[in-house]
């Protein structure tokens, strides 16, 4: 298990592991994070995952670089946190691809489950979000900035 400094996360992970059928592959590591950059967004998007509406997400490759953080990979486990840092669910990554911002397609936008699920909505919301991230890391957003398109499935609860 990925060591955590929060016993609530460890307990949630342990509950997930106990829920697995006997003899099933037992995952050993996870990342804990929340969607978006506000408590309200974290709550809203986490709820969409639990409802089965949100099965994809996108992130800016550049945001991983300052800390040398590894990019998501197929079969990774993630514990999704709400806006207060409480565990909501666990997802498993099923597909990862990288595209320029302007090449992200309608299917990705739809699977992300946000707003009216259109590409226009996706581009508007993500341009604003990625622009805020770029400002924090000293990058200038542009139409070809690399975006990680991740697909996932809900595995717990």
N, C-alpha and C. Protein backbone atom coordinates (compact mmCIF):
# COMPACT_ATOMS: atom_id res chain seq x y z
N UNK A 1 0.84 -1.18 0.00
CA UNK A 1 0.00 0.00 0.00
C UNK A 1 0.88 1.24 0.00
N UNK A 2 0.46 2.25 -0.70
CA UNK A 2 1.15 3.52 -0.66
C UNK A 2 1.01 4.09 0.75
N UNK A 3 2.10 4.37 1.43
CA UNK A 3 1.98 4.91 2.78
C UNK A 3 1.26 6.25 2.76
N UNK A 4 0.44 6.45 3.72
CA UNK A 4 -0.33 7.68 3.82
C UNK A 4 -0.10 8.28 5.20
N UNK A 5 -0.23 9.57 5.29
CA UNK A 5 -0.14 10.20 6.61
C UNK A 5 -1.53 10.40 7.19
N UNK A 6 -2.52 9.91 6.49
CA UNK A 6 -3.91 10.07 6.92
C UNK A 6 -4.54 8.71 7.15
N UNK A 7 -4.82 8.36 8.40
CA UNK A 7 -5.39 7.04 8.68
C UNK A 7 -6.76 6.81 8.02
N UNK A 8 -7.48 7.88 7.71
CA UNK A 8 -8.78 7.73 7.01
C UNK A 8 -8.56 7.13 5.63
N UNK A 9 -7.52 7.56 4.94
CA UNK A 9 -7.23 7.03 3.61
C UNK A 9 -6.79 5.57 3.71
N UNK A 10 -5.95 5.29 4.68
CA UNK A 10 -5.49 3.91 4.87
C UNK A 10 -6.67 2.98 5.17
N UNK A 11 -7.59 3.44 6.01
CA UNK A 11 -8.75 2.62 6.37
C UNK A 11 -9.64 2.37 5.15
N UNK A 12 -9.84 3.41 4.32
CA UNK A 12 -10.66 3.26 3.12
C UNK A 12 -10.01 2.26 2.17
N UNK A 13 -8.70 2.36 1.99
CA UNK A 13 -7.96 1.43 1.14
C UNK A 13 -8.09 -0.01 1.68
N UNK A 14 -7.94 -0.15 2.98
CA UNK A 14 -8.08 -1.48 3.59
C UNK A 14 -9.48 -2.04 3.37
N UNK A 15 -10.51 -1.19 3.47
CA UNK A 15 -11.89 -1.64 3.20
C UNK A 15 -12.02 -2.11 1.75
N UNK A 16 -11.42 -1.39 0.84
CA UNK A 16 -11.43 -1.79 -0.57
C UNK A 16 -10.77 -3.16 -0.74
N UNK A 17 -9.60 -3.33 -0.16
CA UNK A 17 -8.89 -4.61 -0.29
C UNK A 17 -9.71 -5.76 0.28
N UNK A 18 -10.39 -5.53 1.41
CA UNK A 18 -11.23 -6.57 2.01
C UNK A 18 -12.45 -6.90 1.14
N UNK A 19 -12.85 -5.96 0.27
CA UNK A 19 -14.01 -6.18 -0.59
C UNK A 19 -13.70 -7.05 -1.81
N UNK A 20 -12.42 -7.24 -2.08
CA UNK A 20 -12.03 -8.02 -3.26
C UNK A 20 -12.34 -9.49 -3.05
N UNK A 21 -12.76 -10.17 -4.11
CA UNK A 21 -13.03 -11.61 -3.98
C UNK A 21 -11.75 -12.37 -3.62
N UNK A 22 -11.93 -13.45 -2.92
CA UNK A 22 -10.78 -14.28 -2.54
C UNK A 22 -10.05 -14.73 -3.80
N UNK A 23 -8.74 -14.62 -3.78
CA UNK A 23 -7.92 -15.03 -4.92
C UNK A 23 -7.75 -13.96 -5.98
N UNK A 24 -8.42 -12.82 -5.83
CA UNK A 24 -8.29 -11.72 -6.80
C UNK A 24 -6.93 -11.06 -6.66
N UNK A 25 -6.47 -10.47 -7.74
CA UNK A 25 -5.23 -9.69 -7.70
C UNK A 25 -5.39 -8.60 -6.63
N UNK A 26 -4.40 -8.48 -5.76
CA UNK A 26 -4.44 -7.47 -4.70
C UNK A 26 -3.52 -6.32 -5.07
N UNK A 27 -4.10 -5.16 -5.40
CA UNK A 27 -3.25 -4.01 -5.72
C UNK A 27 -2.46 -3.56 -4.50
N UNK A 28 -1.27 -3.03 -4.75
CA UNK A 28 -0.40 -2.65 -3.64
C UNK A 28 -0.23 -1.15 -3.48
N UNK A 29 -0.62 -0.36 -4.48
CA UNK A 29 -0.37 1.08 -4.39
C UNK A 29 -1.52 1.88 -4.97
N UNK A 30 -1.63 3.11 -4.52
CA UNK A 30 -2.63 4.03 -5.04
C UNK A 30 -2.15 5.46 -4.89
N UNK A 31 -2.76 6.32 -5.66
CA UNK A 31 -2.57 7.76 -5.51
C UNK A 31 -3.87 8.31 -4.94
N UNK A 32 -3.80 9.29 -4.07
CA UNK A 32 -5.00 9.94 -3.53
C UNK A 32 -5.03 11.38 -4.01
N UNK A 33 -6.15 11.76 -4.64
CA UNK A 33 -6.27 13.11 -5.18
C UNK A 33 -7.74 13.46 -5.38
N UNK A 34 -7.98 14.74 -5.66
CA UNK A 34 -9.34 15.19 -5.95
C UNK A 34 -9.37 15.86 -7.31
N UNK A 35 -10.53 15.89 -7.91
CA UNK A 35 -10.71 16.56 -9.19
C UNK A 35 -10.75 18.07 -9.00
N UNK A 36 -10.25 18.79 -10.00
CA UNK A 36 -10.39 20.24 -10.03
C UNK A 36 -9.48 20.96 -9.07
N UNK A 37 -9.81 22.24 -8.85
CA UNK A 37 -8.98 23.07 -7.99
C UNK A 37 -9.80 23.83 -6.95
N UNK A 38 -10.96 23.27 -6.59
CA UNK A 38 -11.76 23.85 -5.52
C UNK A 38 -12.52 22.73 -4.81
N UNK A 39 -12.87 22.93 -3.55
CA UNK A 39 -13.65 21.91 -2.84
C UNK A 39 -14.98 21.60 -3.54
N UNK A 40 -15.62 22.61 -4.08
CA UNK A 40 -16.91 22.41 -4.75
C UNK A 40 -16.75 21.54 -6.00
N UNK A 41 -15.72 21.79 -6.77
CA UNK A 41 -15.47 20.99 -7.97
C UNK A 41 -15.13 19.55 -7.59
N UNK A 42 -14.31 19.38 -6.56
CA UNK A 42 -13.95 18.03 -6.11
C UNK A 42 -15.21 17.25 -5.73
N UNK A 43 -16.11 17.87 -4.98
CA UNK A 43 -17.35 17.21 -4.56
C UNK A 43 -18.21 16.86 -5.76
N UNK A 44 -18.39 17.82 -6.66
CA UNK A 44 -19.27 17.64 -7.81
C UNK A 44 -18.76 16.54 -8.75
N UNK A 45 -17.48 16.59 -9.09
CA UNK A 45 -16.94 15.62 -10.03
C UNK A 45 -16.79 14.23 -9.40
N UNK A 46 -16.45 14.19 -8.13
CA UNK A 46 -16.40 12.90 -7.45
C UNK A 46 -17.76 12.23 -7.42
N UNK A 47 -18.80 13.02 -7.22
CA UNK A 47 -20.17 12.49 -7.22
C UNK A 47 -20.52 11.94 -8.60
N UNK A 48 -20.06 12.59 -9.67
CA UNK A 48 -20.31 12.09 -11.03
C UNK A 48 -19.66 10.73 -11.26
N UNK A 49 -18.50 10.52 -10.65
CA UNK A 49 -17.84 9.21 -10.76
C UNK A 49 -18.69 8.15 -10.08
N UNK A 50 -19.12 8.43 -8.87
CA UNK A 50 -19.92 7.46 -8.10
C UNK A 50 -21.23 7.15 -8.83
N UNK A 51 -21.81 8.15 -9.50
CA UNK A 51 -23.06 7.95 -10.25
C UNK A 51 -22.84 7.20 -11.56
N UNK A 52 -21.59 6.98 -11.94
CA UNK A 52 -21.29 6.28 -13.18
C UNK A 52 -21.33 7.17 -14.41
N UNK A 53 -21.42 8.47 -14.22
CA UNK A 53 -21.49 9.41 -15.34
C UNK A 53 -20.09 9.79 -15.82
N UNK A 54 -19.19 10.03 -14.90
CA UNK A 54 -17.82 10.43 -15.23
C UNK A 54 -16.92 9.20 -15.25
N UNK A 55 -16.40 8.87 -16.44
CA UNK A 55 -15.51 7.71 -16.60
C UNK A 55 -14.20 8.09 -17.27
N UNK A 56 -13.91 9.39 -17.28
CA UNK A 56 -12.67 9.88 -17.89
C UNK A 56 -12.29 11.19 -17.22
N UNK A 57 -11.03 11.54 -17.39
CA UNK A 57 -10.54 12.82 -16.90
C UNK A 57 -9.38 13.25 -17.78
N UNK A 58 -9.01 14.50 -17.66
CA UNK A 58 -7.89 15.03 -18.44
C UNK A 58 -7.02 15.87 -17.52
N UNK A 59 -5.73 15.81 -17.75
CA UNK A 59 -4.80 16.63 -16.98
C UNK A 59 -3.70 17.14 -17.90
N UNK A 60 -3.05 18.16 -17.44
CA UNK A 60 -2.01 18.82 -18.21
C UNK A 60 -0.66 18.14 -17.93
N UNK A 61 -0.01 17.65 -18.97
CA UNK A 61 1.29 16.99 -18.80
C UNK A 61 2.26 17.91 -18.05
N UNK A 62 2.26 19.18 -18.40
CA UNK A 62 3.19 20.13 -17.79
C UNK A 62 3.03 20.19 -16.28
N UNK A 63 1.84 19.92 -15.75
CA UNK A 63 1.61 20.01 -14.30
C UNK A 63 2.35 18.91 -13.54
N UNK A 64 2.74 17.84 -14.21
CA UNK A 64 3.47 16.75 -13.57
C UNK A 64 4.97 17.04 -13.48
N UNK A 65 5.45 17.92 -14.32
CA UNK A 65 6.89 18.14 -14.46
C UNK A 65 7.58 18.79 -13.27
N UNK A 66 7.01 19.84 -12.64
CA UNK A 66 7.76 20.51 -11.56
C UNK A 66 8.17 19.59 -10.41
N UNK A 67 7.31 18.64 -10.06
CA UNK A 67 7.61 17.72 -8.95
C UNK A 67 8.20 16.40 -9.43
N UNK A 68 8.34 16.24 -10.76
CA UNK A 68 8.82 14.99 -11.30
C UNK A 68 7.84 13.85 -11.07
N UNK A 69 6.57 14.19 -10.98
CA UNK A 69 5.52 13.20 -10.72
C UNK A 69 5.32 12.30 -11.94
N UNK A 70 5.13 11.02 -11.68
CA UNK A 70 4.89 10.06 -12.76
C UNK A 70 3.53 10.31 -13.40
N UNK A 71 3.46 10.13 -14.71
CA UNK A 71 2.19 10.25 -15.42
C UNK A 71 1.32 9.04 -15.12
N UNK A 72 -0.01 9.19 -15.21
CA UNK A 72 -0.89 8.04 -14.99
C UNK A 72 -0.58 6.92 -15.98
N UNK A 73 -0.79 5.69 -15.52
CA UNK A 73 -0.59 4.51 -16.36
C UNK A 73 -1.79 3.58 -16.24
N UNK A 74 -2.00 2.80 -17.28
CA UNK A 74 -3.07 1.80 -17.26
C UNK A 74 -2.86 0.88 -16.06
N UNK A 75 -3.94 0.58 -15.39
CA UNK A 75 -4.02 -0.26 -14.20
C UNK A 75 -3.68 0.46 -12.90
N UNK A 76 -3.32 1.74 -12.95
CA UNK A 76 -3.11 2.51 -11.72
C UNK A 76 -4.42 2.60 -10.94
N UNK A 77 -4.30 2.65 -9.62
CA UNK A 77 -5.44 2.87 -8.75
C UNK A 77 -5.35 4.28 -8.17
N UNK A 78 -6.50 4.94 -8.09
CA UNK A 78 -6.58 6.27 -7.51
C UNK A 78 -7.72 6.34 -6.52
N UNK A 79 -7.46 6.89 -5.36
CA UNK A 79 -8.50 7.16 -4.39
C UNK A 79 -8.95 8.60 -4.63
N UNK A 80 -10.22 8.75 -4.94
CA UNK A 80 -10.77 10.08 -5.22
C UNK A 80 -11.26 10.68 -3.91
N UNK A 81 -10.81 11.90 -3.64
CA UNK A 81 -11.14 12.60 -2.41
C UNK A 81 -12.16 13.69 -2.68
N UNK A 82 -12.98 13.98 -1.67
CA UNK A 82 -13.92 15.09 -1.80
C UNK A 82 -13.20 16.40 -1.46
N UNK A 83 -13.95 17.48 -1.40
CA UNK A 83 -13.37 18.79 -1.16
C UNK A 83 -12.80 18.99 0.23
N UNK A 84 -13.07 18.07 1.15
CA UNK A 84 -12.52 18.14 2.50
C UNK A 84 -11.39 17.13 2.71
N UNK A 85 -11.03 16.41 1.61
CA UNK A 85 -9.97 15.42 1.71
C UNK A 85 -10.44 14.06 2.19
N UNK A 86 -11.76 13.85 2.23
CA UNK A 86 -12.32 12.56 2.64
C UNK A 86 -12.42 11.63 1.43
N UNK A 87 -12.12 10.35 1.61
CA UNK A 87 -12.23 9.41 0.50
C UNK A 87 -13.68 9.26 0.02
N UNK A 88 -13.86 9.26 -1.30
CA UNK A 88 -15.18 9.07 -1.90
C UNK A 88 -15.28 7.71 -2.60
N UNK A 89 -14.23 7.36 -3.34
CA UNK A 89 -14.27 6.13 -4.13
C UNK A 89 -12.86 5.80 -4.60
N UNK A 90 -12.74 4.65 -5.23
CA UNK A 90 -11.47 4.23 -5.83
C UNK A 90 -11.74 3.89 -7.28
N UNK A 91 -10.88 4.39 -8.15
CA UNK A 91 -10.97 4.12 -9.59
C UNK A 91 -9.71 3.40 -10.05
N UNK A 92 -9.83 2.73 -11.20
CA UNK A 92 -8.66 2.10 -11.82
C UNK A 92 -8.56 2.61 -13.25
N UNK A 93 -7.40 3.06 -13.63
CA UNK A 93 -7.16 3.58 -14.97
C UNK A 93 -7.21 2.44 -15.98
N UNK A 94 -7.96 2.66 -17.07
CA UNK A 94 -8.11 1.63 -18.11
C UNK A 94 -7.46 2.03 -19.43
N UNK A 95 -7.23 3.32 -19.64
CA UNK A 95 -6.59 3.79 -20.88
C UNK A 95 -5.96 5.15 -20.62
N UNK A 96 -4.83 5.39 -21.27
CA UNK A 96 -4.13 6.68 -21.16
C UNK A 96 -3.60 7.04 -22.54
N UNK A 97 -3.83 8.28 -22.95
CA UNK A 97 -3.25 8.78 -24.19
C UNK A 97 -2.94 10.26 -23.99
N UNK A 98 -2.01 10.76 -24.78
CA UNK A 98 -1.63 12.17 -24.71
C UNK A 98 -1.92 12.81 -26.05
N UNK A 99 -2.59 13.97 -25.99
CA UNK A 99 -2.97 14.70 -27.20
C UNK A 99 -2.75 16.18 -26.99
N UNK A 100 -2.49 16.92 -28.07
CA UNK A 100 -2.52 18.37 -27.95
C UNK A 100 -3.92 18.81 -27.52
N UNK A 101 -4.01 19.87 -26.77
CA UNK A 101 -5.30 20.37 -26.28
C UNK A 101 -6.33 20.43 -27.40
N UNK A 102 -5.94 20.97 -28.55
CA UNK A 102 -6.90 21.17 -29.64
C UNK A 102 -7.26 19.87 -30.37
N UNK A 103 -6.65 18.74 -29.99
CA UNK A 103 -7.00 17.45 -30.60
C UNK A 103 -7.82 16.55 -29.67
N UNK A 104 -8.10 17.02 -28.46
CA UNK A 104 -8.97 16.23 -27.58
C UNK A 104 -10.33 16.15 -28.26
N UNK A 105 -10.92 14.94 -28.28
CA UNK A 105 -12.12 14.73 -29.09
C UNK A 105 -13.43 14.73 -28.29
N UNK A 106 -14.52 14.66 -29.04
CA UNK A 106 -15.86 14.70 -28.46
C UNK A 106 -16.11 13.53 -27.51
N UNK A 107 -15.57 12.36 -27.84
CA UNK A 107 -15.78 11.20 -26.98
C UNK A 107 -15.17 11.43 -25.60
N UNK A 108 -13.96 11.97 -25.56
CA UNK A 108 -13.33 12.26 -24.27
C UNK A 108 -14.17 13.26 -23.48
N UNK A 109 -14.62 14.31 -24.15
CA UNK A 109 -15.45 15.32 -23.48
C UNK A 109 -16.71 14.68 -22.91
N UNK A 110 -17.36 13.83 -23.68
CA UNK A 110 -18.58 13.18 -23.25
C UNK A 110 -18.33 12.28 -22.04
N UNK A 111 -17.26 11.48 -22.10
CA UNK A 111 -16.97 10.55 -21.00
C UNK A 111 -16.58 11.26 -19.71
N UNK A 112 -16.08 12.49 -19.83
CA UNK A 112 -15.75 13.24 -18.62
C UNK A 112 -17.01 13.65 -17.87
N UNK A 113 -18.16 13.66 -18.54
CA UNK A 113 -19.45 13.80 -17.87
C UNK A 113 -19.79 15.17 -17.32
N UNK A 114 -19.07 16.18 -17.70
CA UNK A 114 -19.27 17.50 -17.11
C UNK A 114 -20.17 18.38 -17.98
N UNK A 115 -20.93 19.26 -17.34
CA UNK A 115 -21.78 20.20 -18.06
C UNK A 115 -22.73 19.48 -19.00
N UNK A 116 -22.79 19.97 -20.24
CA UNK A 116 -23.66 19.33 -21.25
C UNK A 116 -22.93 18.21 -21.99
N UNK A 117 -21.73 17.89 -21.54
CA UNK A 117 -20.89 16.81 -22.07
C UNK A 117 -20.39 17.07 -23.50
N UNK A 118 -20.48 18.31 -23.95
CA UNK A 118 -20.05 18.65 -25.31
C UNK A 118 -18.56 19.00 -25.32
N UNK A 119 -17.97 18.93 -26.50
CA UNK A 119 -16.58 19.32 -26.67
C UNK A 119 -16.40 20.82 -26.42
N UNK A 120 -17.37 21.61 -26.83
CA UNK A 120 -17.30 23.07 -26.59
C UNK A 120 -17.24 23.36 -25.09
N UNK A 121 -18.09 22.70 -24.31
CA UNK A 121 -18.07 22.89 -22.86
C UNK A 121 -16.73 22.44 -22.30
N UNK A 122 -16.26 21.25 -22.73
CA UNK A 122 -14.99 20.72 -22.25
C UNK A 122 -13.86 21.72 -22.51
N UNK A 123 -13.80 22.21 -23.74
CA UNK A 123 -12.70 23.13 -24.09
C UNK A 123 -12.75 24.41 -23.26
N UNK A 124 -13.93 24.95 -23.05
CA UNK A 124 -14.06 26.18 -22.27
C UNK A 124 -13.59 25.96 -20.83
N UNK A 125 -14.12 24.94 -20.18
CA UNK A 125 -13.80 24.67 -18.77
C UNK A 125 -12.33 24.29 -18.61
N UNK A 126 -11.84 23.43 -19.48
CA UNK A 126 -10.46 22.97 -19.34
C UNK A 126 -9.45 24.05 -19.74
N UNK A 127 -9.78 24.89 -20.70
CA UNK A 127 -8.88 26.00 -21.04
C UNK A 127 -8.68 26.89 -19.81
N UNK A 128 -9.78 27.21 -19.12
CA UNK A 128 -9.66 28.05 -17.93
C UNK A 128 -8.87 27.34 -16.83
N UNK A 129 -9.17 26.05 -16.62
CA UNK A 129 -8.47 25.28 -15.58
C UNK A 129 -6.98 25.15 -15.91
N UNK A 130 -6.66 24.74 -17.14
CA UNK A 130 -5.26 24.58 -17.52
C UNK A 130 -4.52 25.92 -17.52
N UNK A 131 -5.21 27.00 -17.83
CA UNK A 131 -4.58 28.33 -17.78
C UNK A 131 -4.18 28.68 -16.35
N UNK A 132 -5.03 28.34 -15.38
CA UNK A 132 -4.68 28.58 -13.97
C UNK A 132 -3.47 27.72 -13.58
N UNK A 133 -3.46 26.47 -14.02
CA UNK A 133 -2.31 25.60 -13.73
C UNK A 133 -1.04 26.16 -14.36
N UNK A 134 -1.14 26.60 -15.61
CA UNK A 134 0.03 27.16 -16.30
C UNK A 134 0.57 28.37 -15.55
N UNK A 135 -0.30 29.22 -15.06
CA UNK A 135 0.14 30.40 -14.31
C UNK A 135 0.93 29.98 -13.07
N UNK A 136 0.52 28.91 -12.41
CA UNK A 136 1.20 28.43 -11.20
C UNK A 136 2.57 27.85 -11.49
N UNK A 137 2.76 27.30 -12.68
CA UNK A 137 4.04 26.64 -12.99
C UNK A 137 4.90 27.44 -13.98
N UNK A 138 4.46 28.66 -14.29
CA UNK A 138 5.26 29.52 -15.16
C UNK A 138 5.24 29.14 -16.63
N UNK A 139 4.15 28.54 -17.09
CA UNK A 139 4.00 28.18 -18.50
C UNK A 139 2.91 29.03 -19.12
N UNK A 140 2.96 29.16 -20.42
CA UNK A 140 1.93 29.91 -21.16
C UNK A 140 1.05 28.90 -21.88
N UNK A 141 -0.26 28.93 -21.60
CA UNK A 141 -1.15 27.96 -22.26
C UNK A 141 -1.21 28.21 -23.76
N UNK A 142 -1.32 27.13 -24.52
CA UNK A 142 -1.53 27.28 -25.96
C UNK A 142 -2.34 26.09 -26.46
N UNK A 143 -2.81 26.19 -27.66
CA UNK A 143 -3.72 25.19 -28.23
C UNK A 143 -3.06 23.81 -28.39
N UNK A 144 -1.73 23.75 -28.36
CA UNK A 144 -1.05 22.46 -28.54
C UNK A 144 -0.45 21.92 -27.25
N UNK A 145 -0.78 22.53 -26.11
CA UNK A 145 -0.23 22.02 -24.85
C UNK A 145 -0.65 20.57 -24.67
N UNK A 146 0.25 19.72 -24.15
CA UNK A 146 -0.04 18.29 -24.06
C UNK A 146 -1.01 17.95 -22.92
N UNK A 147 -2.05 17.21 -23.27
CA UNK A 147 -3.10 16.84 -22.33
C UNK A 147 -3.14 15.31 -22.21
N UNK A 148 -3.14 14.83 -20.98
CA UNK A 148 -3.30 13.40 -20.72
C UNK A 148 -4.79 13.10 -20.66
N UNK A 149 -5.25 12.24 -21.53
CA UNK A 149 -6.65 11.80 -21.52
C UNK A 149 -6.67 10.42 -20.88
N UNK A 150 -7.34 10.34 -19.77
CA UNK A 150 -7.35 9.12 -18.97
C UNK A 150 -8.78 8.58 -18.89
N UNK A 151 -8.92 7.30 -19.08
CA UNK A 151 -10.21 6.62 -18.89
C UNK A 151 -10.06 5.72 -17.68
N UNK A 152 -11.17 5.53 -16.97
CA UNK A 152 -11.11 4.73 -15.76
C UNK A 152 -12.43 4.05 -15.49
N UNK A 153 -12.38 3.09 -14.55
CA UNK A 153 -13.59 2.45 -14.08
C UNK A 153 -13.64 2.58 -12.56
N UNK A 154 -14.85 2.68 -12.06
CA UNK A 154 -15.07 2.73 -10.63
C UNK A 154 -14.93 1.31 -10.08
N UNK A 155 -14.08 1.13 -9.06
CA UNK A 155 -13.88 -0.21 -8.50
C UNK A 155 -14.33 -0.31 -7.04
N UNK A 156 -14.52 0.83 -6.36
CA UNK A 156 -15.00 0.81 -4.98
C UNK A 156 -15.53 2.16 -4.62
N UNK A 157 -16.66 2.31 -3.93
CA UNK A 157 -17.56 1.23 -3.54
C UNK A 157 -18.38 0.75 -4.72
